[in-house]
Amino acid sequence: KLVILTPSELVKLQKLATVLGPCRFVTELLGGETYVSCSVVLPALCHL
């Protein structure tokens, strides 16, 4: 009884995935442990 996504909704997801790409990069960047991450917070938020 699942609602299948329509082609127009898939196009919206494609655009949304493009916008969320930097968010994933920032999340992985701030969660690292082998490099300096504290000073990256403000530049990363400015980028977002």
All heavy atoms as atom14 arrays in JSON, in Angstrom:
{
  "sequence": "KLVILTPSELVKLQKLATVLGPCRFVTELLGGETYVSCSVVLPALCHL",
  "atom14_mask": [
    [1, 1, 1, 1, 1, 1, 1, 1, 1, 0, 0, 0, 0, 0],
    [1, 1, 1, 1, 1, 1, 1, 1, 0, 0, 0, 0, 0, 0],
    [1, 1, 1, 1, 1, 1, 1, 0, 0, 0, 0, 0, 0, 0],
    [1, 1, 1, 1, 1, 1, 1, 1, 0, 0, 0, 0, 0, 0],
    [1, 1, 1, 1, 1, 1, 1, 1, 0, 0, 0, 0, 0, 0],
    [1, 1, 1, 1, 1, 1, 1, 0, 0, 0, 0, 0, 0, 0],
    [1, 1, 1, 1, 1, 1, 1, 0, 0, 0, 0, 0, 0, 0],
    [1, 1, 1, 1, 1, 1, 0, 0, 0, 0, 0, 0, 0, 0],
    [1, 1, 1, 1, 1, 1, 1, 1, 1, 0, 0, 0, 0, 0],
    [1, 1, 1, 1, 1, 1, 1, 1, 0, 0, 0, 0, 0, 0],
    [1, 1, 1, 1, 1, 1, 1, 0, 0, 0, 0, 0, 0, 0],
    [1, 1, 1, 1, 1, 1, 1, 1, 1, 0, 0, 0, 0, 0],
    [1, 1, 1, 1, 1, 1, 1, 1, 0, 0, 0, 0, 0, 0],
    [1, 1, 1, 1, 1, 1, 1, 1, 1, 0, 0, 0, 0, 0],
    [1, 1, 1, 1, 1, 1, 1, 1, 1, 0, 0, 0, 0, 0],
    [1, 1, 1, 1, 1, 1, 1, 1, 0, 0, 0, 0, 0, 0],
    [1, 1, 1, 1, 1, 0, 0, 0, 0, 0, 0, 0, 0, 0],
    [1, 1, 1, 1, 1, 1, 1, 0, 0, 0, 0, 0, 0, 0],
    [1, 1, 1, 1, 1, 1, 1, 0, 0, 0, 0, 0, 0, 0],
    [1, 1, 1, 1, 1, 1, 1, 1, 0, 0, 0, 0, 0, 0],
    [1, 1, 1, 1, 0, 0, 0, 0, 0, 0, 0, 0, 0, 0],
    [1, 1, 1, 1, 1, 1, 1, 0, 0, 0, 0, 0, 0, 0],
    [1, 1, 1, 1, 1, 1, 0, 0, 0, 0, 0, 0, 0, 0],
    [1, 1, 1, 1, 1, 1, 1, 1, 1, 1, 1, 0, 0, 0],
    [1, 1, 1, 1, 1, 1, 1, 1, 1, 1, 1, 0, 0, 0],
    [1, 1, 1, 1, 1, 1, 1, 0, 0, 0, 0, 0, 0, 0],
    [1, 1, 1, 1, 1, 1, 1, 0, 0, 0, 0, 0, 0, 0],
    [1, 1, 1, 1, 1, 1, 1, 1, 1, 0, 0, 0, 0, 0],
    [1, 1, 1, 1, 1, 1, 1, 1, 0, 0, 0, 0, 0, 0],
    [1, 1, 1, 1, 1, 1, 1, 1, 0, 0, 0, 0, 0, 0],
    [1, 1, 1, 1, 0, 0, 0, 0, 0, 0, 0, 0, 0, 0],
    [1, 1, 1, 1, 0, 0, 0, 0, 0, 0, 0, 0, 0, 0],
    [1, 1, 1, 1, 1, 1, 1, 1, 1, 0, 0, 0, 0, 0],
    [1, 1, 1, 1, 1, 1, 1, 0, 0, 0, 0, 0, 0, 0],
    [1, 1, 1, 1, 1, 1, 1, 1, 1, 1, 1, 1, 0, 0],
    [1, 1, 1, 1, 1, 1, 1, 0, 0, 0, 0, 0, 0, 0],
    [1, 1, 1, 1, 1, 1, 0, 0, 0, 0, 0, 0, 0, 0],
    [1, 1, 1, 1, 1, 1, 0, 0, 0, 0, 0, 0, 0, 0],
    [1, 1, 1, 1, 1, 1, 0, 0, 0, 0, 0, 0, 0, 0],
    [1, 1, 1, 1, 1, 1, 1, 0, 0, 0, 0, 0, 0, 0],
    [1, 1, 1, 1, 1, 1, 1, 0, 0, 0, 0, 0, 0, 0],
    [1, 1, 1, 1, 1, 1, 1, 1, 0, 0, 0, 0, 0, 0],
    [1, 1, 1, 1, 1, 1, 1, 0, 0, 0, 0, 0, 0, 0],
    [1, 1, 1, 1, 1, 0, 0, 0, 0, 0, 0, 0, 0, 0],
    [1, 1, 1, 1, 1, 1, 1, 1, 0, 0, 0, 0, 0, 0],
    [1, 1, 1, 1, 1, 1, 0, 0, 0, 0, 0, 0, 0, 0],
    [1, 1, 1, 1, 1, 1, 1, 1, 1, 1, 0, 0, 0, 0],
    [1, 1, 1, 1, 1, 1, 1, 1, 0, 0, 0, 0, 0, 0]
  ],
  "atom14_positions": [
    [[0.82, -1.2, 0.0], [0.0, 0.0, 0.0], [0.86, 1.26, 0.0], [0.42, 2.33, 0.43], [-0.92, 0.0, 1.22], [-1.93, -1.15, 1.23], [-2.83, -1.06, 2.44], [-3.85, -2.2, 2.45], [-4.75, -2.13, 3.65], [0.0, 0.0, 0.0], [0.0, 0.0, 0.0], [0.0, 0.0, 0.0], [0.0, 0.0, 0.0], [0.0, 0.0, 0.0]],
    [[2.08, 1.11, -0.46], [2.99, 2.25, -0.5], [2.63, 3.18, -1.66], [2.14, 2.74, -2.7], [4.43, 1.77, -0.66], [4.97, 0.85, 0.45], [6.39, 0.39, 0.11], [4.97, 1.58, 1.79], [0.0, 0.0, 0.0], [0.0, 0.0, 0.0], [0.0, 0.0, 0.0], [0.0, 0.0, 0.0], [0.0, 0.0, 0.0], [0.0, 0.0, 0.0]],
    [[2.89, 4.45, -1.45], [2.66, 5.45, -2.49], [3.94, 5.6, -3.31], [4.99, 5.99, -2.78], [2.26, 6.8, -1.87], [2.04, 7.84, -2.97], [1.0, 6.64, -1.04], [0.0, 0.0, 0.0], [0.0, 0.0, 0.0], [0.0, 0.0, 0.0], [0.0, 0.0, 0.0], [0.0, 0.0, 0.0], [0.0, 0.0, 0.0], [0.0, 0.0, 0.0]],
    [[3.88, 5.26, -4.58], [5.05, 5.33, -5.45], [5.28, 6.79, -5.87], [4.34, 7.52, -6.19], [4.86, 4.44, -6.69], [4.55, 3.0, -6.27], [6.1, 4.48, -7.57], [5.64, 2.36, -5.43], [0.0, 0.0, 0.0], [0.0, 0.0, 0.0], [0.0, 0.0, 0.0], [0.0, 0.0, 0.0], [0.0, 0.0, 0.0], [0.0, 0.0, 0.0]],
    [[6.53, 7.18, -5.87], [6.88, 8.54, -6.27], [6.61, 8.74, -7.75], [6.9, 7.87, -8.58], [8.35, 8.81, -5.96], [8.75, 8.79, -4.49], [10.26, 8.96, -4.35], [8.03, 9.87, -3.71], [0.0, 0.0, 0.0], [0.0, 0.0, 0.0], [0.0, 0.0, 0.0], [0.0, 0.0, 0.0], [0.0, 0.0, 0.0], [0.0, 0.0, 0.0]],
    [[6.11, 9.9, -8.06], [5.85, 10.26, -9.45], [7.13, 10.79, -10.1], [8.09, 11.16, -9.4], [4.75, 11.32, -9.52], [5.2, 12.5, -8.84], [3.47, 10.81, -8.87], [0.0, 0.0, 0.0], [0.0, 0.0, 0.0], [0.0, 0.0, 0.0], [0.0, 0.0, 0.0], [0.0, 0.0, 0.0], [0.0, 0.0, 0.0], [0.0, 0.0, 0.0]],
    [[7.18, 10.83, -11.44], [8.38, 11.38, -12.11], [8.69, 12.81, -11.68], [9.87, 13.18, -11.54], [8.0, 11.3, -13.59], [7.04, 10.15, -13.67], [6.25, 10.22, -12.4], [0.0, 0.0, 0.0], [0.0, 0.0, 0.0], [0.0, 0.0, 0.0], [0.0, 0.0, 0.0], [0.0, 0.0, 0.0], [0.0, 0.0, 0.0], [0.0, 0.0, 0.0]],
    [[7.66, 13.63, -11.46], [7.91, 15.02, -11.02], [8.52, 15.05, -9.62], [9.39, 15.88, -9.33], [6.62, 15.82, -11.05], [5.65, 15.24, -10.18], [0.0, 0.0, 0.0], [0.0, 0.0, 0.0], [0.0, 0.0, 0.0], [0.0, 0.0, 0.0], [0.0, 0.0, 0.0], [0.0, 0.0, 0.0], [0.0, 0.0, 0.0], [0.0, 0.0, 0.0]],
    [[8.09, 14.15, -8.76], [8.65, 14.07, -7.41], [10.09, 13.59, -7.44], [10.92, 14.01, -6.63], [7.78, 13.17, -6.54], [6.42, 13.76, -6.21], [5.53, 12.79, -5.46], [5.81, 11.57, -5.51], [4.57, 13.25, -4.81], [0.0, 0.0, 0.0], [0.0, 0.0, 0.0], [0.0, 0.0, 0.0], [0.0, 0.0, 0.0], [0.0, 0.0, 0.0]],
    [[10.4, 12.7, -8.36], [11.79, 12.24, -8.51], [12.69, 13.38, -8.98], [13.86, 13.48, -8.57], [11.86, 11.08, -9.5], [11.24, 9.76, -9.01], [11.24, 8.73, -10.13], [12.01, 9.22, -7.81], [0.0, 0.0, 0.0], [0.0, 0.0, 0.0], [0.0, 0.0, 0.0], [0.0, 0.0, 0.0], [0.0, 0.0, 0.0], [0.0, 0.0, 0.0]],
    [[12.15, 14.24, -9.83], [12.93, 15.41, -10.27], [13.19, 16.34, -9.09], [14.29, 16.89, -8.93], [12.19, 16.15, -11.39], [12.9, 17.45, -11.74], [12.08, 15.27, -12.63], [0.0, 0.0, 0.0], [0.0, 0.0, 0.0], [0.0, 0.0, 0.0], [0.0, 0.0, 0.0], [0.0, 0.0, 0.0], [0.0, 0.0, 0.0], [0.0, 0.0, 0.0]],
    [[12.2, 16.51, -8.23], [12.38, 17.34, -7.03], [13.45, 16.74, -6.11], [14.27, 17.46, -5.54], [11.06, 17.47, -6.29], [10.01, 18.29, -7.01], [8.74, 18.39, -6.19], [7.67, 19.22, -6.9], [6.42, 19.34, -6.11], [0.0, 0.0, 0.0], [0.0, 0.0, 0.0], [0.0, 0.0, 0.0], [0.0, 0.0, 0.0], [0.0, 0.0, 0.0]],
    [[13.44, 15.42, -5.97], [14.46, 14.77, -5.15], [15.85, 14.95, -5.74], [16.83, 15.09, -5.0], [14.13, 13.28, -5.01], [13.02, 12.89, -4.04], [12.84, 11.38, -4.0], [13.31, 13.41, -2.63], [0.0, 0.0, 0.0], [0.0, 0.0, 0.0], [0.0, 0.0, 0.0], [0.0, 0.0, 0.0], [0.0, 0.0, 0.0], [0.0, 0.0, 0.0]],
    [[15.93, 14.92, -7.06], [17.23, 15.12, -7.7], [17.78, 16.51, -7.4], [18.97, 16.67, -7.06], [17.09, 14.94, -9.21], [18.4, 15.05, -9.98], [19.36, 13.93, -9.65], [18.97, 12.76, -9.62], [20.61, 14.27, -9.38], [0.0, 0.0, 0.0], [0.0, 0.0, 0.0], [0.0, 0.0, 0.0], [0.0, 0.0, 0.0], [0.0, 0.0, 0.0]],
    [[16.94, 17.53, -7.47], [17.39, 18.88, -7.14], [17.7, 19.01, -5.65], [18.65, 19.7, -5.26], [16.32, 19.89, -7.55], [16.09, 19.97, -9.05], [15.04, 21.01, -9.39], [14.83, 21.11, -10.9], [13.81, 22.13, -11.27], [0.0, 0.0, 0.0], [0.0, 0.0, 0.0], [0.0, 0.0, 0.0], [0.0, 0.0, 0.0], [0.0, 0.0, 0.0]],
    [[16.91, 18.34, -4.83], [17.15, 18.39, -3.39], [18.47, 17.72, -3.03], [19.2, 18.19, -2.15], [16.0, 17.72, -2.66], [15.98, 17.82, -1.14], [15.89, 19.27, -0.71], [14.83, 17.03, -0.55], [0.0, 0.0, 0.0], [0.0, 0.0, 0.0], [0.0, 0.0, 0.0], [0.0, 0.0, 0.0], [0.0, 0.0, 0.0], [0.0, 0.0, 0.0]],
    [[18.79, 16.6, -3.7], [20.06, 15.93, -3.44], [21.25, 16.82, -3.81], [22.28, 16.81, -3.14], [20.12, 14.61, -4.21], [0.0, 0.0, 0.0], [0.0, 0.0, 0.0], [0.0, 0.0, 0.0], [0.0, 0.0, 0.0], [0.0, 0.0, 0.0], [0.0, 0.0, 0.0], [0.0, 0.0, 0.0], [0.0, 0.0, 0.0], [0.0, 0.0, 0.0]],
    [[21.09, 17.6, -4.86], [22.17, 18.52, -5.26], [22.4, 19.6, -4.2], [23.54, 19.96, -3.89], [21.82, 19.17, -6.61], [21.59, 18.15, -7.59], [22.95, 20.06, -7.08], [0.0, 0.0, 0.0], [0.0, 0.0, 0.0], [0.0, 0.0, 0.0], [0.0, 0.0, 0.0], [0.0, 0.0, 0.0], [0.0, 0.0, 0.0], [0.0, 0.0, 0.0]],
    [[21.29, 20.11, -3.64], [21.41, 21.16, -2.62], [21.97, 20.59, -1.32], [22.73, 21.26, -0.61], [20.03, 21.82, -2.39], [20.1, 22.82, -1.25], [19.56, 22.5, -3.65], [0.0, 0.0, 0.0], [0.0, 0.0, 0.0], [0.0, 0.0, 0.0], [0.0, 0.0, 0.0], [0.0, 0.0, 0.0], [0.0, 0.0, 0.0], [0.0, 0.0, 0.0]],
    [[21.61, 19.36, -0.99], [22.06, 18.75, 0.27], [23.48, 18.2, 0.19], [24.02, 17.77, 1.21], [21.1, 17.62, 0.66], [19.7, 18.05, 1.12], [18.83, 16.83, 1.39], [19.79, 18.92, 2.36], [0.0, 0.0, 0.0], [0.0, 0.0, 0.0], [0.0, 0.0, 0.0], [0.0, 0.0, 0.0], [0.0, 0.0, 0.0], [0.0, 0.0, 0.0]],
    [[24.08, 18.2, -0.98], [25.46, 17.71, -1.11], [26.44, 18.44, -0.19], [27.21, 17.79, 0.54], [0.0, 0.0, 0.0], [0.0, 0.0, 0.0], [0.0, 0.0, 0.0], [0.0, 0.0, 0.0], [0.0, 0.0, 0.0], [0.0, 0.0, 0.0], [0.0, 0.0, 0.0], [0.0, 0.0, 0.0], [0.0, 0.0, 0.0], [0.0, 0.0, 0.0]],
    [[26.46, 19.78, -0.17], [27.36, 20.49, 0.76], [27.08, 20.18, 2.22], [27.99, 20.21, 3.04], [27.1, 21.96, 0.43], [26.59, 21.96, -0.97], [25.8, 20.71, -1.1], [0.0, 0.0, 0.0], [0.0, 0.0, 0.0], [0.0, 0.0, 0.0], [0.0, 0.0, 0.0], [0.0, 0.0, 0.0], [0.0, 0.0, 0.0], [0.0, 0.0, 0.0]],
    [[25.83, 19.9, 2.57], [25.5, 19.58, 3.96], [26.18, 18.29, 4.39], [26.69, 18.18, 5.51], [23.99, 19.46, 4.12], [23.07, 20.95, 3.7], [0.0, 0.0, 0.0], [0.0, 0.0, 0.0], [0.0, 0.0, 0.0], [0.0, 0.0, 0.0], [0.0, 0.0, 0.0], [0.0, 0.0, 0.0], [0.0, 0.0, 0.0], [0.0, 0.0, 0.0]],
    [[26.18, 17.31, 3.5], [26.85, 16.05, 3.82], [28.36, 16.27, 3.96], [28.99, 15.72, 4.86], [26.57, 15.02, 2.73], [27.26, 13.69, 2.95], [26.94, 12.7, 1.84], [27.62, 11.43, 2.06], [27.52, 10.38, 1.26], [26.78, 10.45, 0.17], [28.17, 9.27, 1.53], [0.0, 0.0, 0.0], [0.0, 0.0, 0.0], [0.0, 0.0, 0.0]],
    [[28.92, 17.09, 3.09], [30.36, 17.37, 3.16], [30.72, 18.05, 4.47], [31.71, 17.7, 5.13], [30.77, 18.24, 1.97], [32.18, 18.75, 2.06], [33.25, 17.91, 1.83], [32.43, 20.08, 2.38], [34.56, 18.38, 1.91], [33.72, 20.55, 2.47], [34.79, 19.69, 2.23], [0.0, 0.0, 0.0], [0.0, 0.0, 0.0], [0.0, 0.0, 0.0]],
    [[29.92, 19.04, 4.89], [30.18, 19.75, 6.14], [30.02, 18.83, 7.34], [30.8, 18.88, 8.3], [29.25, 20.97, 6.25], [29.31, 21.59, 7.64], [29.62, 22.01, 5.21], [0.0, 0.0, 0.0], [0.0, 0.0, 0.0], [0.0, 0.0, 0.0], [0.0, 0.0, 0.0], [0.0, 0.0, 0.0], [0.0, 0.0, 0.0], [0.0, 0.0, 0.0]],
    [[29.02, 17.95, 7.3], [28.8, 17.0, 8.4], [30.0, 16.1, 8.58], [30.48, 15.86, 9.7], [27.55, 16.17, 8.13], [26.42, 17.04, 7.98], [27.28, 15.22, 9.28], [0.0, 0.0, 0.0], [0.0, 0.0, 0.0], [0.0, 0.0, 0.0], [0.0, 0.0, 0.0], [0.0, 0.0, 0.0], [0.0, 0.0, 0.0], [0.0, 0.0, 0.0]],
    [[30.52, 15.56, 7.49], [31.7, 14.7, 7.57], [32.95, 15.49, 7.98], [33.82, 14.96, 8.69], [31.93, 14.0, 6.23], [30.8, 13.06, 5.83], [31.0, 12.48, 4.45], [31.92, 12.94, 3.73], [30.22, 11.57, 4.06], [0.0, 0.0, 0.0], [0.0, 0.0, 0.0], [0.0, 0.0, 0.0], [0.0, 0.0, 0.0], [0.0, 0.0, 0.0]],
    [[33.02, 16.73, 7.55], [34.19, 17.56, 7.87], [34.26, 17.88, 9.36], [35.31, 17.79, 9.99], [34.14, 18.85, 7.06], [35.3, 19.83, 7.22], [36.59, 19.2, 6.7], [35.02, 21.12, 6.48], [0.0, 0.0, 0.0], [0.0, 0.0, 0.0], [0.0, 0.0, 0.0], [0.0, 0.0, 0.0], [0.0, 0.0, 0.0], [0.0, 0.0, 0.0]],
    [[33.13, 18.26, 9.94], [33.11, 18.64, 11.35], [33.17, 17.43, 12.28], [33.45, 17.58, 13.47], [31.85, 19.45, 11.67], [31.7, 20.77, 10.9], [30.48, 21.52, 11.38], [32.94, 21.64, 11.05], [0.0, 0.0, 0.0], [0.0, 0.0, 0.0], [0.0, 0.0, 0.0], [0.0, 0.0, 0.0], [0.0, 0.0, 0.0], [0.0, 0.0, 0.0]],
    [[32.91, 16.24, 11.77], [32.96, 15.04, 12.6], [34.27, 14.29, 12.5], [34.38, 13.18, 13.04], [0.0, 0.0, 0.0], [0.0, 0.0, 0.0], [0.0, 0.0, 0.0], [0.0, 0.0, 0.0], [0.0, 0.0, 0.0], [0.0, 0.0, 0.0], [0.0, 0.0, 0.0], [0.0, 0.0, 0.0], [0.0, 0.0, 0.0], [0.0, 0.0, 0.0]],
    [[35.27, 14.86, 11.85], [36.55, 14.19, 11.69], [37.37, 14.21, 12.97], [37.15, 15.03, 13.86], [0.0, 0.0, 0.0], [0.0, 0.0, 0.0], [0.0, 0.0, 0.0], [0.0, 0.0, 0.0], [0.0, 0.0, 0.0], [0.0, 0.0, 0.0], [0.0, 0.0, 0.0], [0.0, 0.0, 0.0], [0.0, 0.0, 0.0], [0.0, 0.0, 0.0]],
    [[38.33, 13.31, 13.04], [39.17, 13.21, 14.23], [40.65, 13.18, 13.92], [41.48, 13.16, 14.84], [38.8, 11.94, 15.01], [38.94, 10.67, 14.21], [38.46, 9.45, 14.97], [37.92, 9.6, 16.07], [38.66, 8.33, 14.47], [0.0, 0.0, 0.0], [0.0, 0.0, 0.0], [0.0, 0.0, 0.0], [0.0, 0.0, 0.0], [0.0, 0.0, 0.0]],
    [[41.02, 13.19, 12.65], [42.43, 13.15, 12.27], [42.93, 14.49, 11.77], [44.03, 14.57, 11.24], [42.66, 12.08, 11.2], [41.84, 12.38, 10.05], [42.31, 10.7, 11.72], [0.0, 0.0, 0.0], [0.0, 0.0, 0.0], [0.0, 0.0, 0.0], [0.0, 0.0, 0.0], [0.0, 0.0, 0.0], [0.0, 0.0, 0.0], [0.0, 0.0, 0.0]],
    [[42.14, 15.55, 11.94], [42.54, 16.87, 11.47], [41.85, 17.92, 12.34], [40.94, 17.62, 13.11], [42.18, 17.07, 10.0], [40.77, 16.64, 9.65], [39.67, 17.46, 9.89], [40.54, 15.39, 9.08], [38.4, 17.07, 9.58], [39.25, 14.97, 8.77], [38.19, 15.83, 9.01], [36.92, 15.42, 8.7], [0.0, 0.0, 0.0], [0.0, 0.0, 0.0]],
    [[42.3, 19.16, 12.21], [41.74, 20.27, 12.97], [40.34, 20.59, 12.43], [40.16, 20.8, 11.23], [42.64, 21.51, 12.87], [42.0, 22.69, 13.57], [44.01, 21.21, 13.46], [0.0, 0.0, 0.0], [0.0, 0.0, 0.0], [0.0, 0.0, 0.0], [0.0, 0.0, 0.0], [0.0, 0.0, 0.0], [0.0, 0.0, 0.0], [0.0, 0.0, 0.0]],
    [[39.36, 20.6, 13.31], [37.98, 20.82, 12.88], [37.32, 22.03, 13.54], [36.36, 22.58, 13.0], [37.12, 19.58, 13.18], [37.15, 19.28, 14.57], [0.0, 0.0, 0.0], [0.0, 0.0, 0.0], [0.0, 0.0, 0.0], [0.0, 0.0, 0.0], [0.0, 0.0, 0.0], [0.0, 0.0, 0.0], [0.0, 0.0, 0.0], [0.0, 0.0, 0.0]],
    [[37.83, 22.48, 14.68], [37.19, 23.57, 15.4], [37.2, 24.87, 14.6], [36.2, 25.59, 14.56], [37.88, 23.78, 16.74], [37.15, 25.07, 17.77], [0.0, 0.0, 0.0], [0.0, 0.0, 0.0], [0.0, 0.0, 0.0], [0.0, 0.0, 0.0], [0.0, 0.0, 0.0], [0.0, 0.0, 0.0], [0.0, 0.0, 0.0], [0.0, 0.0, 0.0]],
    [[38.3, 25.16, 13.94], [38.4, 26.41, 13.19], [37.65, 26.38, 11.87], [37.55, 27.41, 11.2], [39.88, 26.71, 12.92], [40.47, 25.65, 12.19], [0.0, 0.0, 0.0], [0.0, 0.0, 0.0], [0.0, 0.0, 0.0], [0.0, 0.0, 0.0], [0.0, 0.0, 0.0], [0.0, 0.0, 0.0], [0.0, 0.0, 0.0], [0.0, 0.0, 0.0]],
    [[37.11, 25.23, 11.51], [36.39, 25.1, 10.24], [34.9, 25.39, 10.41], [34.18, 25.53, 9.43], [36.59, 23.68, 9.66], [36.08, 23.58, 8.24], [38.06, 23.3, 9.68], [0.0, 0.0, 0.0], [0.0, 0.0, 0.0], [0.0, 0.0, 0.0], [0.0, 0.0, 0.0], [0.0, 0.0, 0.0], [0.0, 0.0, 0.0], [0.0, 0.0, 0.0]],
    [[34.44, 25.51, 11.65], [33.0, 25.64, 11.9], [32.44, 26.89, 11.24], [31.47, 26.83, 10.47], [32.72, 25.65, 13.42], [31.24, 25.93, 13.67], [33.12, 24.33, 14.04], [0.0, 0.0, 0.0], [0.0, 0.0, 0.0], [0.0, 0.0, 0.0], [0.0, 0.0, 0.0], [0.0, 0.0, 0.0], [0.0, 0.0, 0.0], [0.0, 0.0, 0.0]],
    [[33.0, 28.04, 11.53], [32.47, 29.29, 10.97], [32.59, 29.36, 9.45], [31.62, 29.74, 8.77], [33.16, 30.49, 11.62], [32.9, 30.68, 13.13], [33.62, 31.91, 13.64], [31.41, 30.77, 13.41], [0.0, 0.0, 0.0], [0.0, 0.0, 0.0], [0.0, 0.0, 0.0], [0.0, 0.0, 0.0], [0.0, 0.0, 0.0], [0.0, 0.0, 0.0]],
    [[33.73, 28.98, 8.84], [33.76, 28.95, 7.37], [32.77, 27.96, 6.78], [32.17, 28.24, 5.73], [35.21, 28.53, 7.06], [35.99, 28.98, 8.24], [35.07, 28.77, 9.41], [0.0, 0.0, 0.0], [0.0, 0.0, 0.0], [0.0, 0.0, 0.0], [0.0, 0.0, 0.0], [0.0, 0.0, 0.0], [0.0, 0.0, 0.0], [0.0, 0.0, 0.0]],
    [[32.57, 26.81, 7.44], [31.62, 25.83, 6.92], [30.19, 26.35, 6.99], [29.4, 26.18, 6.04], [31.75, 24.53, 7.7], [0.0, 0.0, 0.0], [0.0, 0.0, 0.0], [0.0, 0.0, 0.0], [0.0, 0.0, 0.0], [0.0, 0.0, 0.0], [0.0, 0.0, 0.0], [0.0, 0.0, 0.0], [0.0, 0.0, 0.0], [0.0, 0.0, 0.0]],
    [[29.82, 26.99, 8.1], [28.48, 27.55, 8.22], [28.26, 28.69, 7.23], [27.17, 28.85, 6.68], [28.25, 28.05, 9.64], [28.23, 26.97, 10.74], [27.98, 27.61, 12.1], [27.18, 25.91, 10.44], [0.0, 0.0, 0.0], [0.0, 0.0, 0.0], [0.0, 0.0, 0.0], [0.0, 0.0, 0.0], [0.0, 0.0, 0.0], [0.0, 0.0, 0.0]],
    [[29.3, 29.47, 6.99], [29.2, 30.54, 5.99], [28.98, 29.94, 4.6], [28.2, 30.47, 3.81], [30.47, 31.39, 6.02], [30.49, 32.74, 4.82], [0.0, 0.0, 0.0], [0.0, 0.0, 0.0], [0.0, 0.0, 0.0], [0.0, 0.0, 0.0], [0.0, 0.0, 0.0], [0.0, 0.0, 0.0], [0.0, 0.0, 0.0], [0.0, 0.0, 0.0]],
    [[29.65, 28.82, 4.32], [29.47, 28.15, 3.03], [28.05, 27.62, 2.88], [27.44, 27.73, 1.8], [30.48, 27.01, 2.91], [30.31, 26.16, 1.68], [30.51, 26.65, 0.42], [29.92, 24.86, 1.55], [30.26, 25.69, -0.47], [29.9, 24.6, 0.2], [0.0, 0.0, 0.0], [0.0, 0.0, 0.0], [0.0, 0.0, 0.0], [0.0, 0.0, 0.0]],
    [[27.5, 27.07, 3.96], [26.13, 26.57, 3.9], [25.13, 27.7, 3.69], [24.17, 27.56, 2.92], [25.79, 25.82, 5.19], [26.4, 24.43, 5.36], [25.93, 23.8, 6.66], [26.04, 23.52, 4.19], [0.0, 0.0, 0.0], [0.0, 0.0, 0.0], [0.0, 0.0, 0.0], [0.0, 0.0, 0.0], [0.0, 0.0, 0.0], [0.0, 0.0, 0.0]]
  ]
}
